[in-house]
Protein backbone atom coordinates (compact mmCIF):
# COMPACT_ATOMS: atom_id res chain seq x y z
CA ILE A 1 23.91 3.21 27.33
CA PRO A 2 26.54 0.49 26.61
CA VAL A 3 26.45 -0.53 30.53
CA ALA A 4 22.46 -1.07 30.07
CA GLU A 5 23.18 -2.87 27.07
CA GLU A 6 25.72 -5.37 28.10
CA THR A 7 23.98 -6.02 31.58
CA GLY A 8 20.18 -6.59 29.48
CA LEU A 9 18.75 -3.54 31.29
CA ILE A 10 18.38 -1.79 27.92
CA ALA A 11 14.60 -3.24 27.31
CA ASP A 12 13.48 -2.44 30.78
CA ILE A 13 14.89 1.29 30.74
CA GLY A 14 13.78 1.99 27.06
CA GLU A 15 10.31 0.39 28.23
CA TYR A 16 10.40 3.26 31.14
CA VAL A 17 11.44 5.58 28.27
CA ILE A 18 8.53 4.87 26.02
CA ARG A 19 5.69 4.41 27.99
CA GLN A 20 6.71 7.99 30.33
CA ALA A 21 7.13 9.81 27.02
CA ALA A 22 3.27 8.68 25.35
CA GLN A 23 2.00 9.14 29.23
CA ASP A 24 3.37 12.90 29.35
CA TYR A 25 3.25 14.11 25.57
CA PRO A 26 -0.59 15.22 26.10
CA SER A 27 0.78 17.29 28.76
CA LEU A 28 4.06 18.53 27.15
CA ALA A 29 1.69 20.73 24.52
CA ALA A 30 -0.92 21.72 27.10
CA GLY A 31 -1.32 25.67 26.86
CA THR A 32 -0.66 26.15 23.38
CA THR A 33 -2.42 26.68 20.41
CA HIS A 34 -0.39 24.83 18.19
CA GLU A 35 -0.73 21.17 16.78
CA LEU A 36 1.03 18.59 19.61
CA PRO A 37 4.53 18.65 18.57
CA VAL A 38 6.02 15.45 17.28
CA LEU A 39 7.25 13.29 19.63
CA ALA A 40 10.88 11.29 18.61
CA ILE A 41 11.96 9.10 21.14
CA ASN A 42 15.97 7.69 20.92
CA VAL A 43 16.19 3.96 21.13
CA SER A 44 19.58 2.00 21.07
CA THR A 45 19.93 -0.70 18.24
CA ALA A 46 19.54 -3.56 21.00
CA GLN A 47 16.13 -2.45 21.36
CA LEU A 48 15.41 -2.50 17.91
CA SER A 49 17.18 -5.52 17.49
CA ASP A 50 14.62 -7.27 20.12
CA GLU A 51 11.60 -8.78 18.45
CA SER A 52 9.34 -7.71 20.52
CA PHE A 53 10.08 -4.15 19.70
CA PRO A 54 7.21 -3.17 17.54
CA ASP A 55 4.68 -4.71 20.24
CA LEU A 56 6.10 -2.39 22.84
CA VAL A 57 5.20 0.34 21.02
CA ALA A 58 2.23 -0.60 19.54
CA ARG A 59 0.49 -1.83 22.82
CA THR A 60 2.14 2.17 24.40
CA LEU A 61 0.07 3.91 20.89
CA ASP A 62 -2.97 1.70 21.53
CA SER A 63 -2.79 3.01 25.49
CA THR A 64 -1.98 6.15 25.11
CA PRO A 65 -3.12 9.48 23.28
CA VAL A 66 -0.36 9.14 20.65
CA PRO A 67 -1.21 9.36 17.29
CA ALA A 68 0.80 6.56 15.75
CA ASN A 69 1.58 8.90 12.18
């Protein structure tokens, strides 16, 4: 992670991880009778400092079945 942050790749890696996790979310609970689990994704401080991060999260939530709550 430190190398990705230093080279500026953390934004691309983080975006991939967020989108992939959101797309895979429904299949994680497939076959269970329980509610879908809470989806938690670790992000770096560099991602949180990026002013476009909230927009990435909003776009991901809008385009996937992951509930915003």
